Amino acid sequence: MQAWQVHENGEPDEVMRLAETARPTPGDGQVLLRVRAANVNFPDALLCRGQYQVRPPLPFTPGVEICGETEDGRRVIATPALPYGGFAEYAVADEAAVLPAPEALDDAEAAALHIGYQTGWFGLHRRARLEAGETLLVHAAAGGVGSAAVQLGKAAGATVIGVVGGAGKAAVARELGCDVVVDRRTEDVVAAVKEATGGRGADVIYDPVGGEAYAQSAKLAAFEGRILVVGFASGTIPTPALNHALVKNYSIVGLHWGLYNTKNPKLVLRCHEELTALAARGAIRPLVSERVPLAAAAGAVRKVADGRTTGRIAVVLEGAA
């Protein structure tokens, strides 16, 4: 089979190599999946660089999110078990991590429903307890993680403010359903959000960026607001001023979705059922902005790493829907 492999750490397009390899052999409690589509995630770039919280042994195949097919023909979504990731014709997954693919979505969309939407659902509903009528601020609202949060926020009845970088991404954020869009390249984010909220700020702030975005979040948290720390795509991990959280009476809430797979896997199943139902009625639909063949996977990972994408890029294999 063909598979992308990383033999040394570095930038994705420099260290990923497409090779002919043997099909992986599943271990106990694992299944072999024929990959139909693999979604490109920022963690794939971090894996290539050796900067992710999980460091698989070299060589490994990146690709942390797929829509695949079991040996008995079932269409499923899964997070592959590294080192046998999804940028290949076949991947391995833990049997417990395999979920039925939503019928309402094609392969590329189904591949993109998993990590970003699970993270959004757990963040907004389990950790931040977002309520209908509240204001949700989403940083990087046109990106893969942000776009999921925007759709989930709208589905929950929130007023959604999206922060983006550039006119093209602003247009995408409006199409996603943002009630207010702020272009950080041409506008003062803090002033624009305060104006949009009558000076109150946001009840829930979804931050997958860190750095300057977190500094803005701290200024924009409403009374009893919740800042959701989801990731650090900017590369800068902020150091919160806890005295500021105290005097403004807001919460800083961390979210590591992967922990639920071991700490409370039943919640992951419940979340998937909720997401499937939302997809079935058209309330959410992953924004797949680009579909590329397996041969183009390395360039796609680099593009995501550089922040030059909107929504998701999906690697679609021959014969997939």
C-alpha atoms as a PDB file:
ATOM      1  CA  MET A   1       0.000   0.000   0.000  1.00  0.00           C
ATOM      2  CA  GLN A   2       0.998   3.652  -0.260  1.00  0.00           C
ATOM      3  CA  ALA A   3       1.582   5.604   2.931  1.00  0.00           C
ATOM      4  CA  TRP A   4       3.193   8.889   3.924  1.00  0.00           C
ATOM      5  CA  GLN A   5       5.966   8.334   6.465  1.00  0.00           C
ATOM      6  CA  VAL A   6       7.986  10.643   8.702  1.00  0.00           C
ATOM      7  CA  HIS A   7      11.535   9.382   9.357  1.00  0.00           C
ATOM      8  CA  GLU A   8      12.806  12.537  11.075  1.00  0.00           C
ATOM      9  CA  ASN A   9      11.146  15.541  12.655  1.00  0.00           C
ATOM     10  CA  GLY A  10      10.771  18.823  10.796  1.00  0.00           C
ATOM     11  CA  GLU A  11       8.395  20.815   8.609  1.00  0.00           C
ATOM     12  CA  PRO A  12       5.683  18.570   7.101  1.00  0.00           C
ATOM     13  CA  ASP A  13       6.496  19.124   3.426  1.00  0.00           C
ATOM     14  CA  GLU A  14      10.186  18.489   4.128  1.00  0.00           C
ATOM     15  CA  VAL A  15       9.973  15.317   6.220  1.00  0.00           C
ATOM     16  CA  MET A  16       6.872  13.517   4.901  1.00  0.00           C
ATOM     17  CA  ARG A  17       7.746  10.900   2.259  1.00  0.00           C
ATOM     18  CA  LEU A  18       5.265   8.868   0.195  1.00  0.00           C
ATOM     19  CA  ALA A  19       6.386   5.228   0.193  1.00  0.00           C
ATOM     20  CA  GLU A  20       5.232   1.749  -0.711  1.00  0.00           C
ATOM     21  CA  THR A  21       4.829  -0.181   2.548  1.00  0.00           C
ATOM     22  CA  ALA A  22       3.198  -3.326   3.874  1.00  0.00           C
ATOM     23  CA  ARG A  23      -0.319  -3.085   5.264  1.00  0.00           C
ATOM     24  CA  PRO A  24      -0.232  -2.652   9.039  1.00  0.00           C
ATOM     25  CA  THR A  25      -1.245  -5.558  11.245  1.00  0.00           C
ATOM     26  CA  PRO A  26      -3.814  -4.681  13.942  1.00  0.00           C
ATOM     27  CA  GLY A  27      -2.964  -5.555  17.525  1.00  0.00           C
ATOM     28  CA  ASP A  28      -5.312  -6.870  20.188  1.00  0.00           C
ATOM     29  CA  GLY A  29      -8.487  -4.784  20.322  1.00  0.00           C
ATOM     30  CA  GLN A  30      -7.658  -3.038  17.038  1.00  0.00           C
ATOM     31  CA  VAL A  31      -9.113  -3.095  13.524  1.00  0.00           C
ATOM     32  CA  LEU A  32      -7.708  -2.533  10.055  1.00  0.00           C
ATOM     33  CA  LEU A  33      -9.511   0.200   8.111  1.00  0.00           C
ATOM     34  CA  ARG A  34      -9.374   1.046   4.426  1.00  0.00           C
ATOM     35  CA  VAL A  35      -9.040   4.820   4.384  1.00  0.00           C
ATOM     36  CA  ARG A  36     -11.693   6.621   2.345  1.00  0.00           C
ATOM     37  CA  ALA A  37     -10.797  10.166   3.449  1.00  0.00           C
ATOM     38  CA  ALA A  38      -8.446  11.714   5.994  1.00  0.00           C
ATOM     39  CA  ASN A  39      -8.955  15.171   7.453  1.00  0.00           C
ATOM     40  CA  VAL A  40      -5.876  17.390   7.830  1.00  0.00           C
ATOM     41  CA  ASN A  41      -5.443  18.782  11.348  1.00  0.00           C
ATOM     42  CA  PHE A  42      -2.956  21.185  12.946  1.00  0.00           C
ATOM     43  CA  PRO A  43      -1.760  18.337  15.228  1.00  0.00           C
ATOM     44  CA  ASP A  44      -0.521  16.548  12.102  1.00  0.00           C
ATOM     45  CA  ALA A  45       2.001  19.363  11.648  1.00  0.00           C
ATOM     46  CA  LEU A  46       2.943  19.217  15.327  1.00  0.00           C
ATOM     47  CA  LEU A  47       3.477  15.457  15.007  1.00  0.00           C
ATOM     48  CA  CYS A  48       5.828  16.013  12.077  1.00  0.00           C
ATOM     49  CA  ARG A  49       7.759  18.601  14.091  1.00  0.00           C
ATOM     50  CA  GLY A  50       7.910  16.388  17.185  1.00  0.00           C
ATOM     51  CA  GLN A  51       5.982  19.011  19.160  1.00  0.00           C
ATOM     52  CA  TYR A  52       2.736  17.152  19.854  1.00  0.00           C
ATOM     53  CA  GLN A  53       1.846  15.735  23.285  1.00  0.00           C
ATOM     54  CA  VAL A  54       2.053  12.284  21.713  1.00  0.00           C
ATOM     55  CA  ARG A  55       5.362  11.379  20.064  1.00  0.00           C
ATOM     56  CA  PRO A  56       5.044   8.155  18.073  1.00  0.00           C
ATOM     57  CA  PRO A  57       8.193   6.194  17.254  1.00  0.00           C
ATOM     58  CA  LEU A  58       9.875   6.971  13.949  1.00  0.00           C
ATOM     59  CA  PRO A  59       8.976   6.228  11.238  1.00  0.00           C
ATOM     60  CA  PHE A  60       5.265   6.944  11.568  1.00  0.00           C
ATOM     61  CA  THR A  61       2.358   7.899   9.340  1.00  0.00           C
ATOM     62  CA  PRO A  62       0.516  11.103  10.361  1.00  0.00           C
ATOM     63  CA  GLY A  63      -3.212  11.609   9.925  1.00  0.00           C
ATOM     64  CA  VAL A  64      -5.229  11.704  13.146  1.00  0.00           C
ATOM     65  CA  GLU A  65      -8.781  11.695  11.775  1.00  0.00           C
ATOM     66  CA  ILE A  66     -10.333   9.506   9.075  1.00  0.00           C
ATOM     67  CA  CYS A  67     -13.435   8.154   7.461  1.00  0.00           C
ATOM     68  CA  GLY A  68     -12.730   4.538   6.641  1.00  0.00           C
ATOM     69  CA  GLU A  69     -14.246   1.196   5.839  1.00  0.00           C
ATOM     70  CA  THR A  70     -14.101  -1.959   7.934  1.00  0.00           C
ATOM     71  CA  GLU A  71     -13.349  -5.354   6.461  1.00  0.00           C
ATOM     72  CA  ASP A  72     -17.086  -6.156   6.549  1.00  0.00           C
ATOM     73  CA  GLY A  73     -17.929  -2.991   4.598  1.00  0.00           C
ATOM     74  CA  ARG A  74     -19.151  -0.626   7.327  1.00  0.00           C
ATOM     75  CA  ARG A  75     -18.402   3.087   6.806  1.00  0.00           C
ATOM     76  CA  VAL A  76     -16.909   4.501  10.018  1.00  0.00           C
ATOM     77  CA  ILE A  77     -14.954   7.423  11.441  1.00  0.00           C
ATOM     78  CA  ALA A  78     -11.988   6.971  13.751  1.00  0.00           C
ATOM     79  CA  THR A  79      -8.830   8.437  15.215  1.00  0.00           C
ATOM     80  CA  PRO A  80      -6.109   6.071  13.970  1.00  0.00           C
ATOM     81  CA  ALA A  81      -3.707   4.429  16.404  1.00  0.00           C
ATOM     82  CA  LEU A  82      -0.272   5.856  15.662  1.00  0.00           C
ATOM     83  CA  PRO A  83       2.190   5.029  14.177  1.00  0.00           C
ATOM     84  CA  TYR A  84      -0.336   3.856  11.556  1.00  0.00           C
ATOM     85  CA  GLY A  85      -2.100   7.150  10.824  1.00  0.00           C
ATOM     86  CA  GLY A  86      -4.585   8.140   8.167  1.00  0.00           C
ATOM     87  CA  PHE A  87      -2.422   9.485   5.319  1.00  0.00           C
ATOM     88  CA  ALA A  88      -2.260   6.027   3.809  1.00  0.00           C
ATOM     89  CA  GLU A  89      -4.427   3.542   1.979  1.00  0.00           C
ATOM     90  CA  TYR A  90      -4.929   1.561   5.203  1.00  0.00           C
ATOM     91  CA  ALA A  91      -4.821   2.585   8.864  1.00  0.00           C
ATOM     92  CA  VAL A  92      -5.217   0.915  12.239  1.00  0.00           C
ATOM     93  CA  ALA A  93      -7.614   2.068  14.947  1.00  0.00           C
ATOM     94  CA  ASP A  94      -8.559   0.904  18.409  1.00  0.00           C
ATOM     95  CA  GLU A  95     -11.890  -0.866  18.131  1.00  0.00           C
ATOM     96  CA  ALA A  96     -13.318   1.296  20.926  1.00  0.00           C
ATOM     97  CA  ALA A  97     -12.482   4.459  18.946  1.00  0.00           C
ATOM     98  CA  VAL A  98     -14.451   3.440  15.838  1.00  0.00           C
ATOM     99  CA  LEU A  99     -17.797   5.194  15.359  1.00  0.00           C
ATOM    100  CA  PRO A 100     -20.446   4.905  12.618  1.00  0.00           C
ATOM    101  CA  ALA A 101     -20.072   7.576   9.927  1.00  0.00           C
ATOM    102  CA  PRO A 102     -23.118   9.885   9.743  1.00  0.00           C
ATOM    103  CA  GLU A 103     -25.206   9.040   6.681  1.00  0.00           C
ATOM    104  CA  ALA A 104     -25.923  12.726   6.056  1.00  0.00           C
ATOM    105  CA  LEU A 105     -22.252  13.447   5.312  1.00  0.00           C
ATOM    106  CA  ASP A 106     -19.952  12.328   2.519  1.00  0.00           C
ATOM    107  CA  ASP A 107     -16.560  10.783   3.287  1.00  0.00           C
ATOM    108  CA  ALA A 108     -14.594  14.030   3.462  1.00  0.00           C
ATOM    109  CA  GLU A 109     -17.224  15.710   5.648  1.00  0.00           C
ATOM    110  CA  ALA A 110     -17.511  12.662   7.902  1.00  0.00           C
ATOM    111  CA  ALA A 111     -13.730  12.579   8.379  1.00  0.00           C
ATOM    112  CA  ALA A 112     -13.887  16.213   9.515  1.00  0.00           C
ATOM    113  CA  LEU A 113     -16.753  15.725  11.965  1.00  0.00           C
ATOM    114  CA  HIS A 114     -14.785  13.970  14.664  1.00  0.00           C
ATOM    115  CA  ILE A 115     -12.015  15.796  16.572  1.00  0.00           C
ATOM    116  CA  GLY A 116     -12.951  19.423  15.859  1.00  0.00           C
ATOM    117  CA  TYR A 117     -16.655  18.934  16.508  1.00  0.00           C
ATOM    118  CA  GLN A 118     -16.137  16.710  19.536  1.00  0.00           C
ATOM    119  CA  THR A 119     -13.776  19.349  20.918  1.00  0.00           C
ATOM    120  CA  GLY A 120     -16.366  22.038  20.237  1.00  0.00           C
ATOM    121  CA  TRP A 121     -19.213  20.060  21.792  1.00  0.00           C
ATOM    122  CA  PHE A 122     -17.275  19.164  24.940  1.00  0.00           C
ATOM    123  CA  GLY A 123     -15.882  22.677  25.223  1.00  0.00           C
ATOM    124  CA  LEU A 124     -19.123  24.572  24.740  1.00  0.00           C
ATOM    125  CA  HIS A 125     -21.542  22.213  26.467  1.00  0.00           C
ATOM    126  CA  ARG A 126     -19.567  20.148  28.981  1.00  0.00           C
ATOM    127  CA  ARG A 127     -16.918  22.651  30.115  1.00  0.00           C
ATOM    128  CA  ALA A 128     -18.338  26.135  29.471  1.00  0.00           C
ATOM    129  CA  ARG A 129     -22.050  25.254  29.832  1.00  0.00           C
ATOM    130  CA  LEU A 130     -23.068  27.555  27.006  1.00  0.00           C
ATOM    131  CA  GLU A 131     -26.738  28.560  27.233  1.00  0.00           C
ATOM    132  CA  ALA A 132     -29.163  29.782  24.583  1.00  0.00           C
ATOM    133  CA  GLY A 133     -29.134  33.565  24.410  1.00  0.00           C
ATOM    134  CA  GLU A 134     -25.530  33.921  25.569  1.00  0.00           C
ATOM    135  CA  THR A 135     -22.802  35.508  23.460  1.00  0.00           C
ATOM    136  CA  LEU A 136     -20.031  33.252  22.129  1.00  0.00           C
ATOM    137  CA  LEU A 137     -16.786  34.714  20.787  1.00  0.00           C
ATOM    138  CA  VAL A 138     -14.762  32.399  18.544  1.00  0.00           C
ATOM    139  CA  HIS A 139     -11.162  33.135  17.591  1.00  0.00           C
ATOM    140  CA  ALA A 140      -9.999  31.863  14.178  1.00  0.00           C
ATOM    141  CA  ALA A 141     -13.676  31.436  13.328  1.00  0.00           C
ATOM    142  CA  ALA A 142     -13.072  30.478   9.675  1.00  0.00           C
ATOM    143  CA  GLY A 143     -10.576  27.723  10.483  1.00  0.00           C
ATOM    144  CA  GLY A 144     -11.258  24.043  11.002  1.00  0.00           C
ATOM    145  CA  VAL A 145     -11.636  24.160  14.793  1.00  0.00           C
ATOM    146  CA  GLY A 146     -13.261  27.597  14.862  1.00  0.00           C
ATOM    147  CA  SER A 147     -15.813  26.825  12.149  1.00  0.00           C
ATOM    148  CA  ALA A 148     -17.037  23.824  14.147  1.00  0.00           C
ATOM    149  CA  ALA A 149     -17.466  26.003  17.243  1.00  0.00           C
ATOM    150  CA  VAL A 150     -19.377  28.612  15.241  1.00  0.00           C
ATOM    151  CA  GLN A 151     -21.859  26.043  13.918  1.00  0.00           C
ATOM    152  CA  LEU A 152     -22.292  24.396  17.314  1.00  0.00           C
ATOM    153  CA  GLY A 153     -22.774  27.767  18.975  1.00  0.00           C
ATOM    154  CA  LYS A 154     -25.487  28.742  16.509  1.00  0.00           C
ATOM    155  CA  ALA A 155     -27.152  25.343  16.928  1.00  0.00           C
ATOM    156  CA  ALA A 156     -27.219  25.992  20.700  1.00  0.00           C
ATOM    157  CA  GLY A 157     -28.999  29.333  20.258  1.00  0.00           C
ATOM    158  CA  ALA A 158     -26.041  31.600  21.029  1.00  0.00           C
ATOM    159  CA  THR A 159     -25.159  34.913  19.414  1.00  0.00           C
ATOM    160  CA  VAL A 160     -21.808  34.221  17.743  1.00  0.00           C
ATOM    161  CA  ILE A 161     -19.008  36.720  17.160  1.00  0.00           C
ATOM    162  CA  GLY A 162     -16.217  35.450  14.911  1.00  0.00           C
ATOM    163  CA  VAL A 163     -12.687  36.854  14.854  1.00  0.00           C
ATOM    164  CA  VAL A 164     -10.773  36.186  11.625  1.00  0.00           C
ATOM    165  CA  GLY A 165      -7.692  37.346   9.747  1.00  0.00           C
ATOM    166  CA  GLY A 166      -8.491  38.790   6.338  1.00  0.00           C
ATOM    167  CA  ALA A 167     -11.433  39.661   4.113  1.00  0.00           C
ATOM    168  CA  GLY A 168     -11.659  36.190   2.568  1.00  0.00           C
ATOM    169  CA  LYS A 169     -11.943  34.532   5.952  1.00  0.00           C
ATOM    170  CA  ALA A 170     -14.458  37.167   7.054  1.00  0.00           C
ATOM    171  CA  ALA A 171     -16.718  36.168   4.160  1.00  0.00           C
ATOM    172  CA  VAL A 172     -16.440  32.504   5.161  1.00  0.00           C
ATOM    173  CA  ALA A 173     -17.297  33.331   8.775  1.00  0.00           C
ATOM    174  CA  ARG A 174     -20.445  35.139   7.662  1.00  0.00           C
ATOM    175  CA  GLU A 175     -21.461  32.161   5.537  1.00  0.00           C
ATOM    176  CA  LEU A 176     -20.946  29.908   8.561  1.00  0.00           C
ATOM    177  CA  GLY A 177     -23.533  31.951  10.442  1.00  0.00           C
ATOM    178  CA  CYS A 178     -21.566  34.411  12.586  1.00  0.00           C
ATOM    179  CA  ASP A 179     -23.814  37.263  13.730  1.00  0.00           C
ATOM    180  CA  VAL A 180     -20.835  39.614  13.955  1.00  0.00           C
ATOM    181  CA  VAL A 181     -17.463  39.232  12.197  1.00  0.00           C
ATOM    182  CA  VAL A 182     -14.310  41.093  13.281  1.00  0.00           C
ATOM    183  CA  ASP A 183     -11.264  41.196  10.997  1.00  0.00           C
ATOM    184  CA  ARG A 184      -8.266  41.421  13.299  1.00  0.00           C
ATOM    185  CA  ARG A 185      -6.112  42.700  10.430  1.00  0.00           C
ATOM    186  CA  THR A 186      -8.152  45.850   9.914  1.00  0.00           C
ATOM    187  CA  GLU A 187     -10.057  46.297  13.187  1.00  0.00           C
ATOM    188  CA  ASP A 188      -9.289  46.655  16.873  1.00  0.00           C
ATOM    189  CA  VAL A 189     -10.697  43.361  18.161  1.00  0.00           C
ATOM    190  CA  VAL A 190     -11.347  44.534  21.715  1.00  0.00           C
ATOM    191  CA  ALA A 191     -13.050  47.774  20.643  1.00  0.00           C
ATOM    192  CA  ALA A 192     -15.142  46.043  17.976  1.00  0.00           C
ATOM    193  CA  VAL A 193     -16.400  43.306  20.307  1.00  0.00           C
ATOM    194  CA  LYS A 194     -17.170  45.756  23.091  1.00  0.00           C
ATOM    195  CA  GLU A 195     -19.148  47.876  20.647  1.00  0.00           C
ATOM    196  CA  ALA A 196     -21.061  44.812  19.406  1.00  0.00           C
ATOM    197  CA  THR A 197     -21.924  43.740  22.959  1.00  0.00           C
ATOM    198  CA  GLY A 198     -22.735  47.147  24.413  1.00  0.00           C
ATOM    199  CA  GLY A 199     -19.533  47.037  26.468  1.00  0.00           C
ATOM    200  CA  ARG A 200     -20.459  43.784  28.210  1.00  0.00           C
ATOM    201  CA  GLY A 201     -18.134  41.357  26.426  1.00  0.00           C
ATOM    202  CA  ALA A 202     -18.700  37.681  25.701  1.00  0.00           C
ATOM    203  CA  ASP A 203     -20.100  35.003  27.989  1.00  0.00           C
ATOM    204  CA  VAL A 204     -18.002  32.237  26.424  1.00  0.00           C
ATOM    205  CA  ILE A 205     -14.768  32.734  24.496  1.00  0.00           C
ATOM    206  CA  TYR A 206     -13.433  29.855  22.393  1.00  0.00           C
ATOM    207  CA  ASP A 207      -9.674  30.199  21.949  1.00  0.00           C
ATOM    208  CA  PRO A 208      -7.675  27.711  19.881  1.00  0.00           C
ATOM    209  CA  VAL A 209      -5.016  30.356  19.170  1.00  0.00           C
ATOM    210  CA  GLY A 210      -3.374  31.576  22.392  1.00  0.00           C
ATOM    211  CA  GLY A 211      -0.889  34.443  22.322  1.00  0.00           C
ATOM    212  CA  GLU A 212      -2.449  37.807  21.507  1.00  0.00           C
ATOM    213  CA  ALA A 213      -5.866  36.192  21.077  1.00  0.00           C
ATOM    214  CA  TYR A 214      -5.823  35.125  24.729  1.00  0.00           C
ATOM    215  CA  ALA A 215      -4.834  38.659  25.817  1.00  0.00           C
ATOM    216  CA  GLN A 216      -7.868  39.948  23.935  1.00  0.00           C
ATOM    217  CA  SER A 217     -10.054  37.260  25.512  1.00  0.00           C
ATOM    218  CA  ALA A 218      -9.119  38.361  29.021  1.00  0.00           C
ATOM    219  CA  LYS A 219     -10.206  41.912  28.184  1.00  0.00           C
ATOM    220  CA  LEU A 220     -13.467  40.701  26.639  1.00  0.00           C
ATOM    221  CA  ALA A 221     -14.711  38.186  29.212  1.00  0.00           C
ATOM    222  CA  ALA A 222     -18.094  39.254  30.592  1.00  0.00           C
ATOM    223  CA  PHE A 223     -19.112  39.000  34.233  1.00  0.00           C
ATOM    224  CA  GLU A 224     -19.154  35.249  34.980  1.00  0.00           C
ATOM    225  CA  GLY A 225     -17.637  34.667  31.529  1.00  0.00           C
ATOM    226  CA  ARG A 226     -15.717  31.513  30.603  1.00  0.00           C
ATOM    227  CA  ILE A 227     -12.545  31.513  28.506  1.00  0.00           C
ATOM    228  CA  LEU A 228     -12.085  28.106  26.882  1.00  0.00           C
ATOM    229  CA  VAL A 229      -8.424  27.276  26.330  1.00  0.00           C
ATOM    230  CA  VAL A 230      -8.479  24.844  23.396  1.00  0.00           C
ATOM    231  CA  GLY A 231      -5.023  25.178  21.822  1.00  0.00           C
ATOM    232  CA  PHE A 232      -2.124  27.393  20.860  1.00  0.00           C
ATOM    233  CA  ALA A 233      -2.081  27.647  17.071  1.00  0.00           C
ATOM    234  CA  SER A 234      -0.174  30.936  17.362  1.00  0.00           C
ATOM    235  CA  GLY A 235       2.742  29.046  18.889  1.00  0.00           C
ATOM    236  CA  THR A 236       2.654  31.230  22.006  1.00  0.00           C
ATOM    237  CA  ILE A 237       1.348  29.782  25.275  1.00  0.00           C
ATOM    238  CA  PRO A 238      -0.004  32.633  27.428  1.00  0.00           C
ATOM    239  CA  THR A 239       0.550  33.054  31.139  1.00  0.00           C
ATOM    240  CA  PRO A 240      -2.791  34.171  32.622  1.00  0.00           C
ATOM    241  CA  ALA A 241      -2.900  36.880  35.268  1.00  0.00           C
ATOM    242  CA  LEU A 242      -5.000  35.154  37.920  1.00  0.00           C
ATOM    243  CA  ASN A 243      -5.569  38.393  39.799  1.00  0.00           C
ATOM    244  CA  HIS A 244      -7.317  39.681  36.677  1.00  0.00           C
ATOM    245  CA  ALA A 245      -9.591  36.617  36.597  1.00  0.00           C
ATOM    246  CA  LEU A 246     -10.389  37.252  40.246  1.00  0.00           C
ATOM    247  CA  VAL A 247     -11.280  40.941  40.007  1.00  0.00           C
ATOM    248  CA  LYS A 248     -13.316  40.485  36.778  1.00  0.00           C
ATOM    249  CA  ASN A 249     -14.978  37.293  38.036  1.00  0.00           C
ATOM    250  CA  TYR A 250     -14.401  35.090  34.976  1.00  0.00           C
ATOM    251  CA  SER A 251     -13.244  31.493  34.618  1.00  0.00           C
ATOM    252  CA  ILE A 252     -10.328  30.073  32.647  1.00  0.00           C
ATOM    253  CA  VAL A 253     -11.365  26.601  31.506  1.00  0.00           C
ATOM    254  CA  GLY A 254      -9.007  24.071  29.950  1.00  0.00           C
ATOM    255  CA  LEU A 255     -10.131  21.423  27.485  1.00  0.00           C
ATOM    256  CA  HIS A 256      -8.171  18.319  26.434  1.00  0.00           C
ATOM    257  CA  TRP A 257     -10.734  16.300  24.492  1.00  0.00           C
ATOM    258  CA  GLY A 258      -8.507  13.242  24.152  1.00  0.00           C
ATOM    259  CA  LEU A 259      -8.726  12.562  27.892  1.00  0.00           C
ATOM    260  CA  TYR A 260     -12.421  11.718  27.585  1.00  0.00           C
ATOM    261  CA  ASN A 261     -11.524   8.655  25.508  1.00  0.00           C
ATOM    262  CA  THR A 262      -9.956   7.114  28.597  1.00  0.00           C
ATOM    263  CA  LYS A 263     -11.612   8.981  31.484  1.00  0.00           C
ATOM    264  CA  ASN A 264     -15.231   8.903  30.281  1.00  0.00           C
ATOM    265  CA  PRO A 265     -15.635   7.169  26.890  1.00  0.00           C
ATOM    266  CA  LYS A 266     -19.420   6.957  27.269  1.00  0.00           C
ATOM    267  CA  LEU A 267     -19.541  10.740  26.914  1.00  0.00           C
ATOM    268  CA  VAL A 268     -17.670  10.476  23.596  1.00  0.00           C
ATOM    269  CA  LEU A 269     -20.368   8.121  22.314  1.00  0.00           C
ATOM    270  CA  ARG A 270     -23.118  10.439  23.549  1.00  0.00           C
ATOM    271  CA  CYS A 271     -21.418  13.378  21.865  1.00  0.00           C
ATOM    272  CA  HIS A 272     -21.199  11.454  18.587  1.00  0.00           C
ATOM    273  CA  GLU A 273     -24.918  10.694  18.770  1.00  0.00           C
ATOM    274  CA  GLU A 274     -25.645  14.399  19.311  1.00  0.00           C
ATOM    275  CA  LEU A 275     -23.396  15.423  16.417  1.00  0.00           C
ATOM    276  CA  THR A 276     -24.941  12.811  14.120  1.00  0.00           C
ATOM    277  CA  ALA A 277     -28.426  14.106  14.949  1.00  0.00           C
ATOM    278  CA  LEU A 278     -27.349  17.714  14.323  1.00  0.00           C
ATOM    279  CA  ALA A 279     -25.826  16.716  10.970  1.00  0.00           C
ATOM    280  CA  ALA A 280     -28.984  14.794  10.010  1.00  0.00           C
ATOM    281  CA  ARG A 281     -31.137  17.889  10.426  1.00  0.00           C
ATOM    282  CA  GLY A 282     -28.613  20.167   8.722  1.00  0.00           C
ATOM    283  CA  ALA A 283     -27.698  22.186  11.811  1.00  0.00           C
ATOM    284  CA  ILE A 284     -23.998  21.408  11.354  1.00  0.00           C
ATOM    285  CA  ARG A 285     -21.949  20.439   8.301  1.00  0.00           C
ATOM    286  CA  PRO A 286     -18.154  20.462   8.213  1.00  0.00           C
ATOM    287  CA  LEU A 287     -16.788  23.085   5.848  1.00  0.00           C
ATOM    288  CA  VAL A 288     -14.462  21.153   3.540  1.00  0.00           C
ATOM    289  CA  SER A 289     -12.840  23.891   1.485  1.00  0.00           C
ATOM    290  CA  GLU A 290     -10.451  21.660  -0.423  1.00  0.00           C
ATOM    291  CA  ARG A 291     -10.220  17.980  -1.369  1.00  0.00           C
ATOM    292  CA  VAL A 292      -6.844  16.655  -2.481  1.00  0.00           C
ATOM    293  CA  PRO A 293      -5.501  13.230  -3.514  1.00  0.00           C
ATOM    294  CA  LEU A 294      -3.189  11.179  -1.310  1.00  0.00           C
ATOM    295  CA  ALA A 295      -0.169  12.381  -3.285  1.00  0.00           C
ATOM    296  CA  ALA A 296      -0.841  15.972  -2.147  1.00  0.00           C
ATOM    297  CA  ALA A 297      -1.095  15.264   1.588  1.00  0.00           C
ATOM    298  CA  ALA A 298       2.272  16.744   2.615  1.00  0.00           C
ATOM    299  CA  GLY A 299       1.523  20.076   0.970  1.00  0.00           C
ATOM    300  CA  ALA A 300      -1.915  20.115   2.580  1.00  0.00           C
ATOM    301  CA  VAL A 301      -0.432  19.623   6.063  1.00  0.00           C
ATOM    302  CA  ARG A 302       2.009  22.483   5.472  1.00  0.00           C
ATOM    303  CA  LYS A 303      -0.819  24.726   4.273  1.00  0.00           C
ATOM    304  CA  VAL A 304      -2.777  24.058   7.463  1.00  0.00           C
ATOM    305  CA  ALA A 305       0.345  24.604   9.568  1.00  0.00           C
ATOM    306  CA  ASP A 306       0.852  28.007   7.940  1.00  0.00           C
ATOM    307  CA  GLY A 307      -2.744  29.091   8.654  1.00  0.00           C
ATOM    308  CA  ARG A 308      -3.548  29.551   4.966  1.00  0.00           C
ATOM    309  CA  THR A 309      -6.802  27.590   4.992  1.00  0.00           C
ATOM    310  CA  THR A 310     -10.464  28.046   5.731  1.00  0.00           C
ATOM    311  CA  GLY A 311     -12.485  25.167   7.093  1.00  0.00           C
ATOM    312  CA  ARG A 312     -10.881  21.792   6.417  1.00  0.00           C
ATOM    313  CA  ILE A 313      -8.671  20.176   3.800  1.00  0.00           C
ATOM    314  CA  ALA A 314      -9.502  16.532   3.237  1.00  0.00           C
ATOM    315  CA  VAL A 315      -7.257  13.938   1.642  1.00  0.00           C
ATOM    316  CA  VAL A 316      -9.670  11.834  -0.410  1.00  0.00           C
ATOM    317  CA  LEU A 317      -8.579   8.445  -1.664  1.00  0.00           C
ATOM    318  CA  GLU A 318      -9.577   6.936  -4.975  1.00  0.00           C
ATOM    319  CA  GLY A 319     -13.039   5.422  -4.935  1.00  0.00           C
ATOM    320  CA  ALA A 320     -14.260   7.436  -1.929  1.00  0.00           C
ATOM    321  CA  ALA A 321     -17.602   9.230  -1.955  1.00  0.00           C
END
